[in-house]
Amino acid sequence: MLQAQVQTYVANRALLLEALPALGLRDIAPPDGAFYIYANVEHLTDDSMAFCLHLLRDTGVAIASGVDFDPQRGPRHVRISFAVSTPLVEEALRRMAPWFAARG
């Protein structure tokens, strides 16, 4: 069972690393040893908390502001977890694509 979960995380990580640049998120910290991707959104906002709230309101997709993880640079970063099922990651990407395209 543990191996199956690890394989899901590996697949989700690869899926996000391939898809996020198409959304405009190209400045991504290497997600080594964690279950999330830390992405720079300063080309879109300097208030990642408000950015995450708008994304949630508009798409139903929850990502985390970087503020809690880095008080200095966090307002320009977000965290995207891949510790969920692959269908959830695929659905989140489907919902986020038009939202990011409208900001882009």
PDB file of N, CA and C in Angstrom:
ATOM      1  N   MET A   1       0.824  -1.202   0.000  1.00  0.00           N
ATOM      2  CA  MET A   1       0.000   0.000   0.000  1.00  0.00           C
ATOM      3  C   MET A   1       0.865   1.263   0.000  1.00  0.00           C
ATOM      4  N   LEU A   2       1.926   1.259   0.799  1.00  0.00           N
ATOM      5  CA  LEU A   2       2.803   2.421   0.845  1.00  0.00           C
ATOM      6  C   LEU A   2       3.428   2.683  -0.522  1.00  0.00           C
ATOM      7  N   GLN A   3       3.851   1.629  -1.192  1.00  0.00           N
ATOM      8  CA  GLN A   3       4.466   1.786  -2.509  1.00  0.00           C
ATOM      9  C   GLN A   3       3.474   2.389  -3.505  1.00  0.00           C
ATOM     10  N   ALA A   4       2.208   2.003  -3.412  1.00  0.00           N
ATOM     11  CA  ALA A   4       1.189   2.569  -4.306  1.00  0.00           C
ATOM     12  C   ALA A   4       1.032   4.066  -4.059  1.00  0.00           C
ATOM     13  N   GLN A   5       1.073   4.464  -2.793  1.00  0.00           N
ATOM     14  CA  GLN A   5       0.956   5.899  -2.470  1.00  0.00           C
ATOM     15  C   GLN A   5       2.160   6.670  -2.986  1.00  0.00           C
ATOM     16  N   VAL A   6       3.332   6.102  -2.823  1.00  0.00           N
ATOM     17  CA  VAL A   6       4.546   6.736  -3.342  1.00  0.00           C
ATOM     18  C   VAL A   6       4.452   6.907  -4.849  1.00  0.00           C
ATOM     19  N   GLN A   7       3.962   5.896  -5.538  1.00  0.00           N
ATOM     20  CA  GLN A   7       3.823   5.982  -7.002  1.00  0.00           C
ATOM     21  C   GLN A   7       2.811   7.054  -7.402  1.00  0.00           C
ATOM     22  N   THR A   8       1.754   7.217  -6.623  1.00  0.00           N
ATOM     23  CA  THR A   8       0.784   8.282  -6.887  1.00  0.00           C
ATOM     24  C   THR A   8       1.448   9.642  -6.755  1.00  0.00           C
ATOM     25  N   TYR A   9       2.239   9.830  -5.705  1.00  0.00           N
ATOM     26  CA  TYR A   9       2.932  11.105  -5.514  1.00  0.00           C
ATOM     27  C   TYR A   9       3.927  11.369  -6.642  1.00  0.00           C
ATOM     28  N   VAL A  10       4.626  10.345  -7.069  1.00  0.00           N
ATOM     29  CA  VAL A  10       5.576  10.493  -8.178  1.00  0.00           C
ATOM     30  C   VAL A  10       4.835  10.924  -9.440  1.00  0.00           C
ATOM     31  N   ALA A  11       3.715  10.280  -9.721  1.00  0.00           N
ATOM     32  CA  ALA A  11       2.934  10.616 -10.913  1.00  0.00           C
ATOM     33  C   ALA A  11       2.374  12.031 -10.819  1.00  0.00           C
ATOM     34  N   ASN A  12       1.854  12.394  -9.649  1.00  0.00           N
ATOM     35  CA  ASN A  12       1.284  13.736  -9.471  1.00  0.00           C
ATOM     36  C   ASN A  12       2.349  14.814  -9.590  1.00  0.00           C
ATOM     37  N   ARG A  13       3.508  14.558  -9.038  1.00  0.00           N
ATOM     38  CA  ARG A  13       4.625  15.505  -9.136  1.00  0.00           C
ATOM     39  C   ARG A  13       4.982  15.737 -10.602  1.00  0.00           C
ATOM     40  N   ALA A  14       5.112  14.662 -11.349  1.00  0.00           N
ATOM     41  CA  ALA A  14       5.454  14.778 -12.768  1.00  0.00           C
ATOM     42  C   ALA A  14       4.356  15.499 -13.543  1.00  0.00           C
ATOM     43  N   LEU A  15       3.114  15.192 -13.225  1.00  0.00           N
ATOM     44  CA  LEU A  15       1.986  15.848 -13.890  1.00  0.00           C
ATOM     45  C   LEU A  15       2.015  17.356 -13.667  1.00  0.00           C
ATOM     46  N   LEU A  16       2.226  17.769 -12.435  1.00  0.00           N
ATOM     47  CA  LEU A  16       2.267  19.202 -12.124  1.00  0.00           C
ATOM     48  C   LEU A  16       3.488  19.885 -12.739  1.00  0.00           C
ATOM     49  N   LEU A  17       4.637  19.243 -12.657  1.00  0.00           N
ATOM     50  CA  LEU A  17       5.842  19.857 -13.221  1.00  0.00           C
ATOM     51  C   LEU A  17       5.718  20.042 -14.735  1.00  0.00           C
ATOM     52  N   GLU A  18       4.955  19.179 -15.388  1.00  0.00           N
ATOM     53  CA  GLU A  18       4.727  19.335 -16.819  1.00  0.00           C
ATOM     54  C   GLU A  18       3.670  20.395 -17.109  1.00  0.00           C
ATOM     55  N   ALA A  19       2.618  20.440 -16.307  1.00  0.00           N
ATOM     56  CA  ALA A  19       1.471  21.309 -16.594  1.00  0.00           C
ATOM     57  C   ALA A  19       1.633  22.750 -16.106  1.00  0.00           C
ATOM     58  N   LEU A  20       2.302  22.963 -14.994  1.00  0.00           N
ATOM     59  CA  LEU A  20       2.365  24.317 -14.422  1.00  0.00           C
ATOM     60  C   LEU A  20       3.032  25.342 -15.334  1.00  0.00           C
ATOM     61  N   PRO A  21       4.094  25.016 -16.044  1.00  0.00           N
ATOM     62  CA  PRO A  21       4.666  26.019 -16.954  1.00  0.00           C
ATOM     63  C   PRO A  21       3.669  26.510 -18.009  1.00  0.00           C
ATOM     64  N   ALA A  22       2.774  25.650 -18.458  1.00  0.00           N
ATOM     65  CA  ALA A  22       1.751  26.066 -19.422  1.00  0.00           C
ATOM     66  C   ALA A  22       0.762  27.041 -18.796  1.00  0.00           C
ATOM     67  N   LEU A  23       0.649  27.002 -17.471  1.00  0.00           N
ATOM     68  CA  LEU A  23      -0.212  27.961 -16.765  1.00  0.00           C
ATOM     69  C   LEU A  23       0.515  29.280 -16.516  1.00  0.00           C
ATOM     70  N   GLY A  24       1.799  29.317 -16.820  1.00  0.00           N
ATOM     71  CA  GLY A  24       2.593  30.512 -16.587  1.00  0.00           C
ATOM     72  C   GLY A  24       3.462  30.433 -15.347  1.00  0.00           C
ATOM     73  N   LEU A  25       3.442  29.289 -14.665  1.00  0.00           N
ATOM     74  CA  LEU A  25       4.258  29.114 -13.457  1.00  0.00           C
ATOM     75  C   LEU A  25       5.536  28.383 -13.849  1.00  0.00           C
ATOM     76  N   ARG A  26       6.543  29.171 -14.203  1.00  0.00           N
ATOM     77  CA  ARG A  26       7.792  28.593 -14.690  1.00  0.00           C
ATOM     78  C   ARG A  26       8.911  28.620 -13.652  1.00  0.00           C
ATOM     79  N   ASP A  27       8.800  29.502 -12.684  1.00  0.00           N
ATOM     80  CA  ASP A  27       9.820  29.618 -11.640  1.00  0.00           C
ATOM     81  C   ASP A  27       9.375  28.773 -10.449  1.00  0.00           C
ATOM     82  N   ILE A  28       9.810  27.509 -10.461  1.00  0.00           N
ATOM     83  CA  ILE A  28       9.355  26.530  -9.482  1.00  0.00           C
ATOM     84  C   ILE A  28      10.569  25.968  -8.739  1.00  0.00           C
ATOM     85  N   ALA A  29      10.470  25.951  -7.407  1.00  0.00           N
ATOM     86  CA  ALA A  29      11.533  25.329  -6.606  1.00  0.00           C
ATOM     87  C   ALA A  29      11.467  23.820  -6.803  1.00  0.00           C
ATOM     88  N   PRO A  30      12.595  23.160  -6.927  1.00  0.00           N
ATOM     89  CA  PRO A  30      12.579  21.705  -7.094  1.00  0.00           C
ATOM     90  C   PRO A  30      11.881  21.032  -5.913  1.00  0.00           C
ATOM     91  N   PRO A  31      10.831  20.246  -6.175  1.00  0.00           N
ATOM     92  CA  PRO A  31      10.096  19.600  -5.082  1.00  0.00           C
ATOM     93  C   PRO A  31      10.764  18.306  -4.636  1.00  0.00           C
ATOM     94  N   ASP A  32      11.915  18.444  -4.018  1.00  0.00           N
ATOM     95  CA  ASP A  32      12.665  17.281  -3.551  1.00  0.00           C
ATOM     96  C   ASP A  32      12.376  17.036  -2.079  1.00  0.00           C
ATOM     97  N   GLY A  33      11.834  15.870  -1.772  1.00  0.00           N
ATOM     98  CA  GLY A  33      11.600  15.488  -0.388  1.00  0.00           C
ATOM     99  C   GLY A  33      10.356  16.088   0.229  1.00  0.00           C
ATOM    100  N   ALA A  34       9.479  16.645  -0.563  1.00  0.00           N
ATOM    101  CA  ALA A  34       8.244  17.228  -0.047  1.00  0.00           C
ATOM    102  C   ALA A  34       7.085  16.790  -0.934  1.00  0.00           C
ATOM    103  N   PHE A  35       5.892  17.081  -0.491  1.00  0.00           N
ATOM    104  CA  PHE A  35       4.685  16.710  -1.240  1.00  0.00           C
ATOM    105  C   PHE A  35       3.999  17.945  -1.809  1.00  0.00           C
ATOM    106  N   TYR A  36       4.769  18.961  -2.119  1.00  0.00           N
ATOM    107  CA  TYR A  36       4.208  20.178  -2.676  1.00  0.00           C
ATOM    108  C   TYR A  36       5.219  20.817  -3.616  1.00  0.00           C
ATOM    109  N   ILE A  37       4.691  21.708  -4.437  1.00  0.00           N
ATOM    110  CA  ILE A  37       5.525  22.509  -5.337  1.00  0.00           C
ATOM    111  C   ILE A  37       5.424  23.954  -4.871  1.00  0.00           C
ATOM    112  N   TYR A  38       6.543  24.609  -4.757  1.00  0.00           N
ATOM    113  CA  TYR A  38       6.622  26.008  -4.342  1.00  0.00           C
ATOM    114  C   TYR A  38       6.886  26.820  -5.598  1.00  0.00           C
ATOM    115  N   ALA A  39       5.917  27.654  -5.991  1.00  0.00           N
ATOM    116  CA  ALA A  39       5.998  28.362  -7.268  1.00  0.00           C
ATOM    117  C   ALA A  39       5.931  29.870  -7.070  1.00  0.00           C
ATOM    118  N   ASN A  40       6.713  30.571  -7.863  1.00  0.00           N
ATOM    119  CA  ASN A  40       6.746  32.030  -7.853  1.00  0.00           C
ATOM    120  C   ASN A  40       5.583  32.556  -8.692  1.00  0.00           C
ATOM    121  N   VAL A  41       4.805  33.475  -8.123  1.00  0.00           N
ATOM    122  CA  VAL A  41       3.676  34.091  -8.833  1.00  0.00           C
ATOM    123  C   VAL A  41       3.823  35.612  -8.894  1.00  0.00           C
ATOM    124  N   GLU A  42       5.060  36.118  -8.707  1.00  0.00           N
ATOM    125  CA  GLU A  42       5.236  37.564  -8.651  1.00  0.00           C
ATOM    126  C   GLU A  42       4.888  38.252  -9.962  1.00  0.00           C
ATOM    127  N   HIS A  43       4.874  37.531 -11.074  1.00  0.00           N
ATOM    128  CA  HIS A  43       4.453  38.125 -12.343  1.00  0.00           C
ATOM    129  C   HIS A  43       2.934  38.318 -12.386  1.00  0.00           C
ATOM    130  N   LEU A  44       2.238  37.732 -11.417  1.00  0.00           N
ATOM    131  CA  LEU A  44       0.783  37.844 -11.341  1.00  0.00           C
ATOM    132  C   LEU A  44       0.297  38.640 -10.136  1.00  0.00           C
ATOM    133  N   THR A  45       1.093  38.635  -9.052  1.00  0.00           N
ATOM    134  CA  THR A  45       0.648  39.288  -7.814  1.00  0.00           C
ATOM    135  C   THR A  45       1.809  39.476  -6.852  1.00  0.00           C
ATOM    136  N   ASP A  46       1.632  40.394  -5.919  1.00  0.00           N
ATOM    137  CA  ASP A  46       2.556  40.497  -4.796  1.00  0.00           C
ATOM    138  C   ASP A  46       1.806  40.205  -3.488  1.00  0.00           C
ATOM    139  N   ASP A  47       0.605  39.614  -3.632  1.00  0.00           N
ATOM    140  CA  ASP A  47      -0.230  39.235  -2.494  1.00  0.00           C
ATOM    141  C   ASP A  47      -0.748  37.815  -2.719  1.00  0.00           C
ATOM    142  N   SER A  48       0.097  36.833  -2.405  1.00  0.00           N
ATOM    143  CA  SER A  48      -0.284  35.451  -2.690  1.00  0.00           C
ATOM    144  C   SER A  48      -1.477  34.982  -1.854  1.00  0.00           C
ATOM    145  N   MET A  49      -1.703  35.592  -0.710  1.00  0.00           N
ATOM    146  CA  MET A  49      -2.865  35.221   0.098  1.00  0.00           C
ATOM    147  C   MET A  49      -4.154  35.570  -0.651  1.00  0.00           C
ATOM    148  N   ALA A  50      -4.252  36.795  -1.142  1.00  0.00           N
ATOM    149  CA  ALA A  50      -5.429  37.200  -1.912  1.00  0.00           C
ATOM    150  C   ALA A  50      -5.542  36.383  -3.202  1.00  0.00           C
ATOM    151  N   PHE A  51      -4.410  36.127  -3.827  1.00  0.00           N
ATOM    152  CA  PHE A  51      -4.374  35.334  -5.051  1.00  0.00           C
ATOM    153  C   PHE A  51      -4.986  33.950  -4.805  1.00  0.00           C
ATOM    154  N   CYS A  52      -4.574  33.294  -3.724  1.00  0.00           N
ATOM    155  CA  CYS A  52      -5.090  31.963  -3.394  1.00  0.00           C
ATOM    156  C   CYS A  52      -6.583  32.015  -3.077  1.00  0.00           C
ATOM    157  N   LEU A  53      -7.013  33.059  -2.394  1.00  0.00           N
ATOM    158  CA  LEU A  53      -8.437  33.197  -2.081  1.00  0.00           C
ATOM    159  C   LEU A  53      -9.266  33.387  -3.346  1.00  0.00           C
ATOM    160  N   HIS A  54      -8.786  34.191  -4.286  1.00  0.00           N
ATOM    161  CA  HIS A  54      -9.495  34.384  -5.557  1.00  0.00           C
ATOM    162  C   HIS A  54      -9.560  33.078  -6.348  1.00  0.00           C
ATOM    163  N   LEU A  55      -8.453  32.358  -6.384  1.00  0.00           N
ATOM    164  CA  LEU A  55      -8.430  31.075  -7.080  1.00  0.00           C
ATOM    165  C   LEU A  55      -9.453  30.123  -6.464  1.00  0.00           C
ATOM    166  N   LEU A  56      -9.480  30.037  -5.150  1.00  0.00           N
ATOM    167  CA  LEU A  56     -10.435  29.175  -4.460  1.00  0.00           C
ATOM    168  C   LEU A  56     -11.868  29.589  -4.767  1.00  0.00           C
ATOM    169  N   ARG A  57     -12.146  30.861  -4.655  1.00  0.00           N
ATOM    170  CA  ARG A  57     -13.501  31.374  -4.908  1.00  0.00           C
ATOM    171  C   ARG A  57     -13.940  31.101  -6.338  1.00  0.00           C
ATOM    172  N   ASP A  58     -13.049  31.329  -7.286  1.00  0.00           N
ATOM    173  CA  ASP A  58     -13.411  31.239  -8.694  1.00  0.00           C
ATOM    174  C   ASP A  58     -13.410  29.821  -9.255  1.00  0.00           C
ATOM    175  N   THR A  59     -12.565  28.938  -8.697  1.00  0.00           N
ATOM    176  CA  THR A  59     -12.403  27.608  -9.285  1.00  0.00           C
ATOM    177  C   THR A  59     -12.699  26.457  -8.333  1.00  0.00           C
ATOM    178  N   GLY A  60     -12.709  26.730  -7.037  1.00  0.00           N
ATOM    179  CA  GLY A  60     -12.868  25.664  -6.060  1.00  0.00           C
ATOM    180  C   GLY A  60     -11.576  24.909  -5.780  1.00  0.00           C
ATOM    181  N   VAL A  61     -10.460  25.398  -6.326  1.00  0.00           N
ATOM    182  CA  VAL A  61      -9.155  24.765  -6.121  1.00  0.00           C
ATOM    183  C   VAL A  61      -8.414  25.520  -5.015  1.00  0.00           C
ATOM    184  N   ALA A  62      -7.976  24.775  -4.005  1.00  0.00           N
ATOM    185  CA  ALA A  62      -7.257  25.381  -2.885  1.00  0.00           C
ATOM    186  C   ALA A  62      -5.756  25.125  -3.024  1.00  0.00           C
ATOM    187  N   ILE A  63      -5.003  26.211  -3.010  1.00  0.00           N
ATOM    188  CA  ILE A  63      -3.551  26.157  -2.898  1.00  0.00           C
ATOM    189  C   ILE A  63      -3.188  27.066  -1.733  1.00  0.00           C
ATOM    190  N   ALA A  64      -1.963  26.985  -1.265  1.00  0.00           N
ATOM    191  CA  ALA A  64      -1.568  27.744  -0.079  1.00  0.00           C
ATOM    192  C   ALA A  64      -0.663  28.911  -0.447  1.00  0.00           C
ATOM    193  N   SER A  65      -0.867  30.013   0.224  1.00  0.00           N
ATOM    194  CA  SER A  65       0.036  31.149   0.102  1.00  0.00           C
ATOM    195  C   SER A  65       1.392  30.779   0.671  1.00  0.00           C
ATOM    196  N   GLY A  66       2.427  31.350   0.125  1.00  0.00           N
ATOM    197  CA  GLY A  66       3.767  31.110   0.641  1.00  0.00           C
ATOM    198  C   GLY A  66       4.082  31.890   1.902  1.00  0.00           C
ATOM    199  N   VAL A  67       3.185  32.752   2.338  1.00  0.00           N
ATOM    200  CA  VAL A  67       3.427  33.638   3.475  1.00  0.00           C
ATOM    201  C   VAL A  67       3.790  32.866   4.740  1.00  0.00           C
ATOM    202  N   ASP A  68       3.106  31.757   4.998  1.00  0.00           N
ATOM    203  CA  ASP A  68       3.366  30.998   6.218  1.00  0.00           C
ATOM    204  C   ASP A  68       4.697  30.264   6.185  1.00  0.00           C
ATOM    205  N   PHE A  69       5.299  30.144   5.026  1.00  0.00           N
ATOM    206  CA  PHE A  69       6.517  29.364   4.873  1.00  0.00           C
ATOM    207  C   PHE A  69       7.751  30.232   4.680  1.00  0.00           C
ATOM    208  N   ASP A  70       7.534  31.469   4.275  1.00  0.00           N
ATOM    209  CA  ASP A  70       8.635  32.407   4.069  1.00  0.00           C
ATOM    210  C   ASP A  70       8.072  33.824   4.179  1.00  0.00           C
ATOM    211  N   PRO A  71       8.153  34.444   5.362  1.00  0.00           N
ATOM    212  CA  PRO A  71       7.570  35.776   5.558  1.00  0.00           C
ATOM    213  C   PRO A  71       8.119  36.843   4.612  1.00  0.00           C
ATOM    214  N   GLN A  72       9.343  36.686   4.142  1.00  0.00           N
ATOM    215  CA  GLN A  72       9.951  37.695   3.263  1.00  0.00           C
ATOM    216  C   GLN A  72       9.489  37.556   1.816  1.00  0.00           C
ATOM    217  N   ARG A  73       9.659  36.365   1.252  1.00  0.00           N
ATOM    218  CA  ARG A  73       9.330  36.148  -0.160  1.00  0.00           C
ATOM    219  C   ARG A  73       7.979  35.481  -0.369  1.00  0.00           C
ATOM    220  N   GLY A  74       7.384  35.002   0.688  1.00  0.00           N
ATOM    221  CA  GLY A  74       6.114  34.280   0.612  1.00  0.00           C
ATOM    222  C   GLY A  74       4.975  34.997  -0.079  1.00  0.00           C
ATOM    223  N   PRO A  75       4.854  36.326   0.066  1.00  0.00           N
ATOM    224  CA  PRO A  75       3.761  37.006  -0.630  1.00  0.00           C
ATOM    225  C   PRO A  75       3.831  36.908  -2.155  1.00  0.00           C
ATOM    226  N   ARG A  76       4.946  36.405  -2.671  1.00  0.00           N
ATOM    227  CA  ARG A  76       5.094  36.261  -4.125  1.00  0.00           C
ATOM    228  C   ARG A  76       5.176  34.789  -4.541  1.00  0.00           C
ATOM    229  N   HIS A  77       4.799  33.888  -3.614  1.00  0.00           N
ATOM    230  CA  HIS A  77       4.886  32.450  -3.881  1.00  0.00           C
ATOM    231  C   HIS A  77       3.638  31.721  -3.402  1.00  0.00           C
ATOM    232  N   VAL A  78       3.399  30.563  -4.013  1.00  0.00           N
ATOM    233  CA  VAL A  78       2.321  29.679  -3.582  1.00  0.00           C
ATOM    234  C   VAL A  78       2.851  28.266  -3.443  1.00  0.00           C
ATOM    235  N   ARG A  79       2.135  27.469  -2.651  1.00  0.00           N
ATOM    236  CA  ARG A  79       2.453  26.045  -2.505  1.00  0.00           C
ATOM    237  C   ARG A  79       1.289  25.240  -3.065  1.00  0.00           C
ATOM    238  N   ILE A  80       1.631  24.264  -3.881  1.00  0.00           N
ATOM    239  CA  ILE A  80       0.629  23.414  -4.505  1.00  0.00           C
ATOM    240  C   ILE A  80       0.932  21.971  -4.086  1.00  0.00           C
ATOM    241  N   SER A  81       0.025  21.377  -3.336  1.00  0.00           N
ATOM    242  CA  SER A  81       0.228  20.024  -2.842  1.00  0.00           C
ATOM    243  C   SER A  81      -0.069  19.003  -3.933  1.00  0.00           C
ATOM    244  N   PHE A  82       0.716  17.926  -3.942  1.00  0.00           N
ATOM    245  CA  PHE A  82       0.395  16.810  -4.825  1.00  0.00           C
ATOM    246  C   PHE A  82       0.163  15.535  -4.019  1.00  0.00           C
ATOM    247  N   ALA A  83      -0.167  15.694  -2.738  1.00  0.00           N
ATOM    248  CA  ALA A  83      -0.453  14.565  -1.857  1.00  0.00           C
ATOM    249  C   ALA A  83      -1.948  14.242  -1.865  1.00  0.00           C
ATOM    250  N   VAL A  84      -2.495  14.096  -3.065  1.00  0.00           N
ATOM    251  CA  VAL A  84      -3.903  13.752  -3.277  1.00  0.00           C
ATOM    252  C   VAL A  84      -3.953  12.728  -4.411  1.00  0.00           C
ATOM    253  N   SER A  85      -5.136  12.324  -4.779  1.00  0.00           N
ATOM    254  CA  SER A  85      -5.261  11.368  -5.877  1.00  0.00           C
ATOM    255  C   SER A  85      -4.946  12.046  -7.211  1.00  0.00           C
ATOM    256  N   THR A  86      -4.503  11.255  -8.163  1.00  0.00           N
ATOM    257  CA  THR A  86      -4.198  11.786  -9.490  1.00  0.00           C
ATOM    258  C   THR A  86      -5.435  12.397 -10.154  1.00  0.00           C
ATOM    259  N   PRO A  87      -6.615  11.779 -10.058  1.00  0.00           N
ATOM    260  CA  PRO A  87      -7.795  12.438 -10.646  1.00  0.00           C
ATOM    261  C   PRO A  87      -8.066  13.830 -10.059  1.00  0.00           C
ATOM    262  N   LEU A  88      -7.777  14.032  -8.770  1.00  0.00           N
ATOM    263  CA  LEU A  88      -7.958  15.364  -8.181  1.00  0.00           C
ATOM    264  C   LEU A  88      -6.961  16.363  -8.757  1.00  0.00           C
ATOM    265  N   VAL A  89      -5.726  15.943  -8.960  1.00  0.00           N
ATOM    266  CA  VAL A  89      -4.727  16.826  -9.566  1.00  0.00           C
ATOM    267  C   VAL A  89      -5.158  17.181 -10.991  1.00  0.00           C
ATOM    268  N   GLU A  90      -5.613  16.199 -11.737  1.00  0.00           N
ATOM    269  CA  GLU A  90      -6.059  16.446 -13.115  1.00  0.00           C
ATOM    270  C   GLU A  90      -7.243  17.404 -13.155  1.00  0.00           C
ATOM    271  N   GLU A  91      -8.191  17.229 -12.243  1.00  0.00           N
ATOM    272  CA  GLU A  91      -9.350  18.120 -12.192  1.00  0.00           C
ATOM    273  C   GLU A  91      -8.935  19.532 -11.786  1.00  0.00           C
ATOM    274  N   ALA A  92      -8.036  19.647 -10.828  1.00  0.00           N
ATOM    275  CA  ALA A  92      -7.561  20.974 -10.418  1.00  0.00           C
ATOM    276  C   ALA A  92      -6.894  21.686 -11.590  1.00  0.00           C
ATOM    277  N   LEU A  93      -6.072  20.979 -12.329  1.00  0.00           N
ATOM    278  CA  LEU A  93      -5.415  21.590 -13.493  1.00  0.00           C
ATOM    279  C   LEU A  93      -6.434  22.011 -14.546  1.00  0.00           C
ATOM    280  N   ARG A  94      -7.448  21.189 -14.753  1.00  0.00           N
ATOM    281  CA  ARG A  94      -8.488  21.528 -15.721  1.00  0.00           C
ATOM    282  C   ARG A  94      -9.214  22.816 -15.303  1.00  0.00           C
ATOM    283  N   ARG A  95      -9.483  22.968 -14.028  1.00  0.00           N
ATOM    284  CA  ARG A  95     -10.171  24.159 -13.528  1.00  0.00           C
ATOM    285  C   ARG A  95      -9.261  25.390 -13.543  1.00  0.00           C
ATOM    286  N   MET A  96      -7.984  25.185 -13.232  1.00  0.00           N
ATOM    287  CA  MET A  96      -7.070  26.323 -13.142  1.00  0.00           C
ATOM    288  C   MET A  96      -6.643  26.867 -14.503  1.00  0.00           C
ATOM    289  N   ALA A  97      -6.620  26.050 -15.520  1.00  0.00           N
ATOM    290  CA  ALA A  97      -6.104  26.474 -16.832  1.00  0.00           C
ATOM    291  C   ALA A  97      -6.789  27.731 -17.345  1.00  0.00           C
ATOM    292  N   PRO A  98      -8.112  27.787 -17.421  1.00  0.00           N
ATOM    293  CA  PRO A  98      -8.726  29.024 -17.935  1.00  0.00           C
ATOM    294  C   PRO A  98      -8.546  30.211 -16.978  1.00  0.00           C
ATOM    295  N   TRP A  99      -8.485  29.925 -15.685  1.00  0.00           N
ATOM    296  CA  TRP A  99      -8.322  30.994 -14.699  1.00  0.00           C
ATOM    297  C   TRP A  99      -6.966  31.662 -14.863  1.00  0.00           C
ATOM    298  N   PHE A 100      -5.910  30.855 -14.997  1.00  0.00           N
ATOM    299  CA  PHE A 100      -4.575  31.412 -15.210  1.00  0.00           C
ATOM    300  C   PHE A 100      -4.482  32.077 -16.574  1.00  0.00           C
ATOM    301  N   ALA A 101      -5.099  31.494 -17.579  1.00  0.00           N
ATOM    302  CA  ALA A 101      -5.049  32.072 -18.933  1.00  0.00           C
ATOM    303  C   ALA A 101      -5.646  33.470 -18.945  1.00  0.00           C
ATOM    304  N   ALA A 102      -6.673  33.692 -18.150  1.00  0.00           N
ATOM    305  CA  ALA A 102      -7.302  35.012 -18.085  1.00  0.00           C
ATOM    306  C   ALA A 102      -6.415  36.058 -17.418  1.00  0.00           C
ATOM    307  N   ARG A 103      -5.409  35.606 -16.684  1.00  0.00           N
ATOM    308  CA  ARG A 103      -4.500  36.523 -15.991  1.00  0.00           C
ATOM    309  C   ARG A 103      -3.175  36.687 -16.701  1.00  0.00           C
ATOM    310  N   GLY A 104      -2.928  35.892 -17.701  1.00  0.00           N
ATOM    311  CA  GLY A 104      -1.741  35.816 -18.289  1.00  0.00           C
ATOM    312  C   GLY A 104      -0.765  36.276 -19.091  1.00  0.00           C
TER     313      GLY A 104
END
